[in-house]
Amino acid sequence: MIEIWSKPQCPFCDAAVQICETKDLEFKKYMLDEDFNREEFTEKFPNARTFPQIIVDGELVGGYQEFNQYVQTKSI
């Protein structure tokens, strides 16, 4: 399962969702100020500086670029 921790008006967040939809990958999108607040985001991702933050099968992959590379090199 893929978790995309996102914020409104974030092109990289939208691109991560598009990858999942194009490859028919199961995912859940969490939206800032709807599903979590900044404090919860900082607690969950203390080293994160950007959106989105993406988790695959319980492991943090990173942001959009890391996720894009992950999808291209792994069979998920």
PDB file of N, CA and C in Angstrom:
ATOM      1  N   MET A   1       0.846  -1.185   0.000  1.00  0.00           N
ATOM      2  CA  MET A   1       0.000   0.000   0.000  1.00  0.00           C
ATOM      3  C   MET A   1       0.886   1.240   0.000  1.00  0.00           C
ATOM      4  N   ILE A   2       0.502   2.214  -0.761  1.00  0.00           N
ATOM      5  CA  ILE A   2       1.240   3.469  -0.885  1.00  0.00           C
ATOM      6  C   ILE A   2       0.460   4.563  -0.170  1.00  0.00           C
ATOM      7  N   GLU A   3       1.156   5.336   0.642  1.00  0.00           N
ATOM      8  CA  GLU A   3       0.567   6.493   1.312  1.00  0.00           C
ATOM      9  C   GLU A   3       1.232   7.745   0.758  1.00  0.00           C
ATOM     10  N   ILE A   4       0.434   8.685   0.299  1.00  0.00           N
ATOM     11  CA  ILE A   4       0.944   9.956  -0.205  1.00  0.00           C
ATOM     12  C   ILE A   4       0.468  11.052   0.741  1.00  0.00           C
ATOM     13  N   TRP A   5       1.400  11.644   1.461  1.00  0.00           N
ATOM     14  CA  TRP A   5       1.100  12.731   2.398  1.00  0.00           C
ATOM     15  C   TRP A   5       1.289  14.028   1.629  1.00  0.00           C
ATOM     16  N   SER A   6       0.193  14.718   1.401  1.00  0.00           N
ATOM     17  CA  SER A   6       0.126  15.787   0.415  1.00  0.00           C
ATOM     18  C   SER A   6      -0.351  17.099   1.024  1.00  0.00           C
ATOM     19  N   LYS A   7      -0.284  18.148   0.207  1.00  0.00           N
ATOM     20  CA  LYS A   7      -0.864  19.440   0.578  1.00  0.00           C
ATOM     21  C   LYS A   7      -1.558  20.018  -0.649  1.00  0.00           C
ATOM     22  N   PRO A   8      -2.483  20.948  -0.441  1.00  0.00           N
ATOM     23  CA  PRO A   8      -3.203  21.539  -1.574  1.00  0.00           C
ATOM     24  C   PRO A   8      -2.258  22.284  -2.527  1.00  0.00           C
ATOM     25  N   GLN A   9      -2.627  22.289  -3.793  1.00  0.00           N
ATOM     26  CA  GLN A   9      -1.901  23.018  -4.838  1.00  0.00           C
ATOM     27  C   GLN A   9      -0.424  22.640  -4.897  1.00  0.00           C
ATOM     28  N   CYS A  10      -0.167  21.342  -4.846  1.00  0.00           N
ATOM     29  CA  CYS A  10       1.203  20.823  -4.867  1.00  0.00           C
ATOM     30  C   CYS A  10       1.387  19.996  -6.139  1.00  0.00           C
ATOM     31  N   PRO A  11       2.108  20.522  -7.134  1.00  0.00           N
ATOM     32  CA  PRO A  11       2.253  19.793  -8.392  1.00  0.00           C
ATOM     33  C   PRO A  11       2.971  18.452  -8.238  1.00  0.00           C
ATOM     34  N   PHE A  12       3.938  18.360  -7.322  1.00  0.00           N
ATOM     35  CA  PHE A  12       4.630  17.091  -7.126  1.00  0.00           C
ATOM     36  C   PHE A  12       3.727  16.068  -6.446  1.00  0.00           C
ATOM     37  N   CYS A  13       2.837  16.534  -5.592  1.00  0.00           N
ATOM     38  CA  CYS A  13       1.849  15.647  -4.963  1.00  0.00           C
ATOM     39  C   CYS A  13       0.922  15.083  -6.036  1.00  0.00           C
ATOM     40  N   ASP A  14       0.445  15.958  -6.902  1.00  0.00           N
ATOM     41  CA  ASP A  14      -0.436  15.533  -7.993  1.00  0.00           C
ATOM     42  C   ASP A  14       0.282  14.568  -8.934  1.00  0.00           C
ATOM     43  N   ALA A  15       1.560  14.803  -9.185  1.00  0.00           N
ATOM     44  CA  ALA A  15       2.334  13.923 -10.064  1.00  0.00           C
ATOM     45  C   ALA A  15       2.498  12.538  -9.439  1.00  0.00           C
ATOM     46  N   ALA A  16       2.681  12.475  -8.124  1.00  0.00           N
ATOM     47  CA  ALA A  16       2.793  11.180  -7.441  1.00  0.00           C
ATOM     48  C   ALA A  16       1.483  10.405  -7.549  1.00  0.00           C
ATOM     49  N   VAL A  17       0.369  11.096  -7.379  1.00  0.00           N
ATOM     50  CA  VAL A  17      -0.945  10.463  -7.538  1.00  0.00           C
ATOM     51  C   VAL A  17      -1.104   9.957  -8.967  1.00  0.00           C
ATOM     52  N   GLN A  18      -0.676  10.749  -9.932  1.00  0.00           N
ATOM     53  CA  GLN A  18      -0.800  10.358 -11.337  1.00  0.00           C
ATOM     54  C   GLN A  18       0.011   9.094 -11.638  1.00  0.00           C
ATOM     55  N   ILE A  19       1.202   8.978 -11.063  1.00  0.00           N
ATOM     56  CA  ILE A  19       1.999   7.758 -11.235  1.00  0.00           C
ATOM     57  C   ILE A  19       1.204   6.555 -10.742  1.00  0.00           C
ATOM     58  N   CYS A  20       0.626   6.680  -9.554  1.00  0.00           N
ATOM     59  CA  CYS A  20      -0.146   5.571  -8.982  1.00  0.00           C
ATOM     60  C   CYS A  20      -1.334   5.209  -9.864  1.00  0.00           C
ATOM     61  N   GLU A  21      -2.045   6.219 -10.336  1.00  0.00           N
ATOM     62  CA  GLU A  21      -3.216   5.965 -11.176  1.00  0.00           C
ATOM     63  C   GLU A  21      -2.815   5.351 -12.514  1.00  0.00           C
ATOM     64  N   THR A  22      -1.746   5.842 -13.113  1.00  0.00           N
ATOM     65  CA  THR A  22      -1.285   5.333 -14.405  1.00  0.00           C
ATOM     66  C   THR A  22      -0.851   3.879 -14.304  1.00  0.00           C
ATOM     67  N   LYS A  23      -0.171   3.549 -13.205  1.00  0.00           N
ATOM     68  CA  LYS A  23       0.337   2.187 -13.021  1.00  0.00           C
ATOM     69  C   LYS A  23      -0.653   1.301 -12.269  1.00  0.00           C
ATOM     70  N   ASP A  24      -1.849   1.826 -11.995  1.00  0.00           N
ATOM     71  CA  ASP A  24      -2.901   1.092 -11.293  1.00  0.00           C
ATOM     72  C   ASP A  24      -2.407   0.548  -9.946  1.00  0.00           C
ATOM     73  N   LEU A  25      -1.715   1.414  -9.203  1.00  0.00           N
ATOM     74  CA  LEU A  25      -1.204   1.053  -7.885  1.00  0.00           C
ATOM     75  C   LEU A  25      -2.197   1.493  -6.818  1.00  0.00           C
ATOM     76  N   GLU A  26      -2.365   0.658  -5.807  1.00  0.00           N
ATOM     77  CA  GLU A  26      -3.264   1.006  -4.703  1.00  0.00           C
ATOM     78  C   GLU A  26      -2.594   2.061  -3.832  1.00  0.00           C
ATOM     79  N   PHE A  27      -3.305   3.146  -3.561  1.00  0.00           N
ATOM     80  CA  PHE A  27      -2.727   4.215  -2.748  1.00  0.00           C
ATOM     81  C   PHE A  27      -3.804   4.916  -1.942  1.00  0.00           C
ATOM     82  N   LYS A  28      -3.352   5.599  -0.903  1.00  0.00           N
ATOM     83  CA  LYS A  28      -4.226   6.469  -0.103  1.00  0.00           C
ATOM     84  C   LYS A  28      -3.537   7.816  -0.012  1.00  0.00           C
ATOM     85  N   LYS A  29      -4.299   8.860  -0.275  1.00  0.00           N
ATOM     86  CA  LYS A  29      -3.770  10.224  -0.229  1.00  0.00           C
ATOM     87  C   LYS A  29      -4.270  10.906   1.037  1.00  0.00           C
ATOM     88  N   TYR A  30      -3.343  11.429   1.819  1.00  0.00           N
ATOM     89  CA  TYR A  30      -3.665  12.193   3.018  1.00  0.00           C
ATOM     90  C   TYR A  30      -3.403  13.667   2.714  1.00  0.00           C
ATOM     91  N   MET A  31      -4.371  14.525   3.022  1.00  0.00           N
ATOM     92  CA  MET A  31      -4.274  15.938   2.674  1.00  0.00           C
ATOM     93  C   MET A  31      -4.098  16.803   3.922  1.00  0.00           C
ATOM     94  N   LEU A  32      -3.109  17.699   3.866  1.00  0.00           N
ATOM     95  CA  LEU A  32      -2.852  18.651   4.939  1.00  0.00           C
ATOM     96  C   LEU A  32      -4.111  19.461   5.233  1.00  0.00           C
ATOM     97  N   ASP A  33      -4.362  19.662   6.508  1.00  0.00           N
ATOM     98  CA  ASP A  33      -5.504  20.422   7.027  1.00  0.00           C
ATOM     99  C   ASP A  33      -6.849  19.724   6.841  1.00  0.00           C
ATOM    100  N   GLU A  34      -6.853  18.552   6.219  1.00  0.00           N
ATOM    101  CA  GLU A  34      -8.061  17.728   6.156  1.00  0.00           C
ATOM    102  C   GLU A  34      -7.853  16.451   6.961  1.00  0.00           C
ATOM    103  N   ASP A  35      -6.731  15.769   6.693  1.00  0.00           N
ATOM    104  CA  ASP A  35      -6.430  14.493   7.344  1.00  0.00           C
ATOM    105  C   ASP A  35      -5.367  14.616   8.433  1.00  0.00           C
ATOM    106  N   PHE A  36      -4.578  15.672   8.387  1.00  0.00           N
ATOM    107  CA  PHE A  36      -3.515  15.893   9.369  1.00  0.00           C
ATOM    108  C   PHE A  36      -3.165  17.373   9.383  1.00  0.00           C
ATOM    109  N   ASN A  37      -2.478  17.794  10.457  1.00  0.00           N
ATOM    110  CA  ASN A  37      -2.017  19.184  10.526  1.00  0.00           C
ATOM    111  C   ASN A  37      -0.490  19.211  10.451  1.00  0.00           C
ATOM    112  N   ARG A  38       0.082  20.393  10.407  1.00  0.00           N
ATOM    113  CA  ARG A  38       1.547  20.509  10.258  1.00  0.00           C
ATOM    114  C   ARG A  38       2.301  19.869  11.419  1.00  0.00           C
ATOM    115  N   GLU A  39       1.762  20.007  12.622  1.00  0.00           N
ATOM    116  CA  GLU A  39       2.422  19.406  13.785  1.00  0.00           C
ATOM    117  C   GLU A  39       2.473  17.882  13.646  1.00  0.00           C
ATOM    118  N   GLU A  40       1.389  17.277  13.224  1.00  0.00           N
ATOM    119  CA  GLU A  40       1.363  15.825  13.019  1.00  0.00           C
ATOM    120  C   GLU A  40       2.318  15.420  11.898  1.00  0.00           C
ATOM    121  N   PHE A  41       2.388  16.235  10.845  1.00  0.00           N
ATOM    122  CA  PHE A  41       3.309  15.961   9.740  1.00  0.00           C
ATOM    123  C   PHE A  41       4.751  15.984  10.241  1.00  0.00           C
ATOM    124  N   THR A  42       5.093  16.990  11.041  1.00  0.00           N
ATOM    125  CA  THR A  42       6.453  17.116  11.571  1.00  0.00           C
ATOM    126  C   THR A  42       6.791  15.961  12.504  1.00  0.00           C
ATOM    127  N   GLU A  43       5.823  15.509  13.281  1.00  0.00           N
ATOM    128  CA  GLU A  43       6.054  14.360  14.158  1.00  0.00           C
ATOM    129  C   GLU A  43       6.293  13.092  13.350  1.00  0.00           C
ATOM    130  N   LYS A  44       5.528  12.899  12.288  1.00  0.00           N
ATOM    131  CA  LYS A  44       5.645  11.685  11.476  1.00  0.00           C
ATOM    132  C   LYS A  44       6.885  11.713  10.584  1.00  0.00           C
ATOM    133  N   PHE A  45       7.230  12.895  10.080  1.00  0.00           N
ATOM    134  CA  PHE A  45       8.359  13.054   9.160  1.00  0.00           C
ATOM    135  C   PHE A  45       9.286  14.150   9.682  1.00  0.00           C
ATOM    136  N   PRO A  46      10.049  13.882  10.748  1.00  0.00           N
ATOM    137  CA  PRO A  46      10.842  14.950  11.374  1.00  0.00           C
ATOM    138  C   PRO A  46      11.913  15.558  10.466  1.00  0.00           C
ATOM    139  N   ASN A  47      12.394  14.828   9.477  1.00  0.00           N
ATOM    140  CA  ASN A  47      13.444  15.344   8.598  1.00  0.00           C
ATOM    141  C   ASN A  47      12.907  15.881   7.274  1.00  0.00           C
ATOM    142  N   ALA A  48      11.604  15.824   7.087  1.00  0.00           N
ATOM    143  CA  ALA A  48      11.009  16.243   5.813  1.00  0.00           C
ATOM    144  C   ALA A  48      10.991  17.758   5.694  1.00  0.00           C
ATOM    145  N   ARG A  49      11.333  18.230   4.504  1.00  0.00           N
ATOM    146  CA  ARG A  49      11.296  19.659   4.212  1.00  0.00           C
ATOM    147  C   ARG A  49      10.325  19.976   3.075  1.00  0.00           C
ATOM    148  N   THR A  50       9.831  18.929   2.407  1.00  0.00           N
ATOM    149  CA  THR A  50       8.992  19.133   1.223  1.00  0.00           C
ATOM    150  C   THR A  50       7.780  18.204   1.238  1.00  0.00           C
ATOM    151  N   PHE A  51       6.825  18.537   0.395  1.00  0.00           N
ATOM    152  CA  PHE A  51       5.677  17.675   0.110  1.00  0.00           C
ATOM    153  C   PHE A  51       5.819  17.181  -1.313  1.00  0.00           C
ATOM    154  N   PRO A  52       5.341  15.986  -1.595  1.00  0.00           N
ATOM    155  CA  PRO A  52       4.749  15.020  -0.690  1.00  0.00           C
ATOM    156  C   PRO A  52       5.813  14.221   0.040  1.00  0.00           C
ATOM    157  N   GLN A  53       5.388  13.490   1.041  1.00  0.00           N
ATOM    158  CA  GLN A  53       6.190  12.441   1.640  1.00  0.00           C
ATOM    159  C   GLN A  53       5.433  11.152   1.353  1.00  0.00           C
ATOM    160  N   ILE A  54       6.166  10.139   0.902  1.00  0.00           N
ATOM    161  CA  ILE A  54       5.519   8.929   0.400  1.00  0.00           C
ATOM    162  C   ILE A  54       6.065   7.701   1.119  1.00  0.00           C
ATOM    163  N   ILE A  55       5.138   6.880   1.574  1.00  0.00           N
ATOM    164  CA  ILE A  55       5.449   5.638   2.275  1.00  0.00           C
ATOM    165  C   ILE A  55       4.958   4.485   1.404  1.00  0.00           C
ATOM    166  N   VAL A  56       5.812   3.472   1.225  1.00  0.00           N
ATOM    167  CA  VAL A  56       5.424   2.272   0.488  1.00  0.00           C
ATOM    168  C   VAL A  56       5.591   1.080   1.418  1.00  0.00           C
ATOM    169  N   ASP A  57       4.514   0.365   1.634  1.00  0.00           N
ATOM    170  CA  ASP A  57       4.512  -0.815   2.510  1.00  0.00           C
ATOM    171  C   ASP A  57       5.158  -0.528   3.858  1.00  0.00           C
ATOM    172  N   GLY A  58       4.824   0.613   4.443  1.00  0.00           N
ATOM    173  CA  GLY A  58       5.294   0.959   5.777  1.00  0.00           C
ATOM    174  C   GLY A  58       6.668   1.590   5.846  1.00  0.00           C
ATOM    175  N   GLU A  59       7.358   1.717   4.712  1.00  0.00           N
ATOM    176  CA  GLU A  59       8.701   2.304   4.701  1.00  0.00           C
ATOM    177  C   GLU A  59       8.691   3.635   3.954  1.00  0.00           C
ATOM    178  N   LEU A  60       9.331   4.631   4.565  1.00  0.00           N
ATOM    179  CA  LEU A  60       9.425   5.943   3.932  1.00  0.00           C
ATOM    180  C   LEU A  60      10.334   5.866   2.709  1.00  0.00           C
ATOM    181  N   VAL A  61       9.787   6.245   1.562  1.00  0.00           N
ATOM    182  CA  VAL A  61      10.566   6.311   0.327  1.00  0.00           C
ATOM    183  C   VAL A  61      11.161   7.708   0.177  1.00  0.00           C
ATOM    184  N   GLY A  62      10.390   8.726   0.525  1.00  0.00           N
ATOM    185  CA  GLY A  62      10.846  10.112   0.422  1.00  0.00           C
ATOM    186  C   GLY A  62       9.829  10.949  -0.322  1.00  0.00           C
ATOM    187  N   GLY A  63      10.332  11.901  -1.102  1.00  0.00           N
ATOM    188  CA  GLY A  63       9.481  12.800  -1.862  1.00  0.00           C
ATOM    189  C   GLY A  63       9.174  12.261  -3.248  1.00  0.00           C
ATOM    190  N   TYR A  64       8.692  13.143  -4.109  1.00  0.00           N
ATOM    191  CA  TYR A  64       8.283  12.735  -5.450  1.00  0.00           C
ATOM    192  C   TYR A  64       9.428  12.116  -6.247  1.00  0.00           C
ATOM    193  N   GLN A  65      10.586  12.760  -6.269  1.00  0.00           N
ATOM    194  CA  GLN A  65      11.697  12.252  -7.082  1.00  0.00           C
ATOM    195  C   GLN A  65      12.137  10.870  -6.624  1.00  0.00           C
ATOM    196  N   GLU A  66      12.213  10.677  -5.311  1.00  0.00           N
ATOM    197  CA  GLU A  66      12.593   9.363  -4.783  1.00  0.00           C
ATOM    198  C   GLU A  66      11.533   8.319  -5.131  1.00  0.00           C
ATOM    199  N   PHE A  67      10.266   8.713  -5.041  1.00  0.00           N
ATOM    200  CA  PHE A  67       9.179   7.794  -5.369  1.00  0.00           C
ATOM    201  C   PHE A  67       9.200   7.432  -6.850  1.00  0.00           C
ATOM    202  N   ASN A  68       9.391   8.406  -7.709  1.00  0.00           N
ATOM    203  CA  ASN A  68       9.452   8.155  -9.148  1.00  0.00           C
ATOM    204  C   ASN A  68      10.575   7.173  -9.469  1.00  0.00           C
ATOM    205  N   GLN A  69      11.736   7.375  -8.875  1.00  0.00           N
ATOM    206  CA  GLN A  69      12.858   6.460  -9.088  1.00  0.00           C
ATOM    207  C   GLN A  69      12.535   5.078  -8.527  1.00  0.00           C
ATOM    208  N   TYR A  70      11.928   5.033  -7.361  1.00  0.00           N
ATOM    209  CA  TYR A  70      11.559   3.770  -6.726  1.00  0.00           C
ATOM    210  C   TYR A  70      10.626   2.969  -7.635  1.00  0.00           C
ATOM    211  N   VAL A  71       9.612   3.623  -8.164  1.00  0.00           N
ATOM    212  CA  VAL A  71       8.633   2.949  -9.021  1.00  0.00           C
ATOM    213  C   VAL A  71       9.295   2.416 -10.286  1.00  0.00           C
ATOM    214  N   GLN A  72      10.262   3.140 -10.816  1.00  0.00           N
ATOM    215  CA  GLN A  72      10.937   2.711 -12.042  1.00  0.00           C
ATOM    216  C   GLN A  72      11.874   1.535 -11.808  1.00  0.00           C
ATOM    217  N   THR A  73      12.406   1.400 -10.588  1.00  0.00           N
ATOM    218  CA  THR A  73      13.402   0.356 -10.340  1.00  0.00           C
ATOM    219  C   THR A  73      12.862  -0.847  -9.573  1.00  0.00           C
ATOM    220  N   LYS A  74      11.711  -0.709  -8.944  1.00  0.00           N
ATOM    221  CA  LYS A  74      11.128  -1.805  -8.159  1.00  0.00           C
ATOM    222  C   LYS A  74       9.870  -2.298  -8.846  1.00  0.00           C
ATOM    223  N   SER A  75       9.536  -3.534  -8.575  1.00  0.00           N
ATOM    224  CA  SER A  75       8.253  -4.044  -9.082  1.00  0.00           C
ATOM    225  C   SER A  75       7.249  -3.999  -7.934  1.00  0.00           C
ATOM    226  N   ILE A  76       6.426  -2.969  -7.958  1.00  0.00           N
ATOM    227  CA  ILE A  76       5.416  -2.837  -6.900  1.00  0.00           C
ATOM    228  C   ILE A  76       4.030  -2.901  -7.505  1.00  0.00           C
TER     229      ILE A  76
END
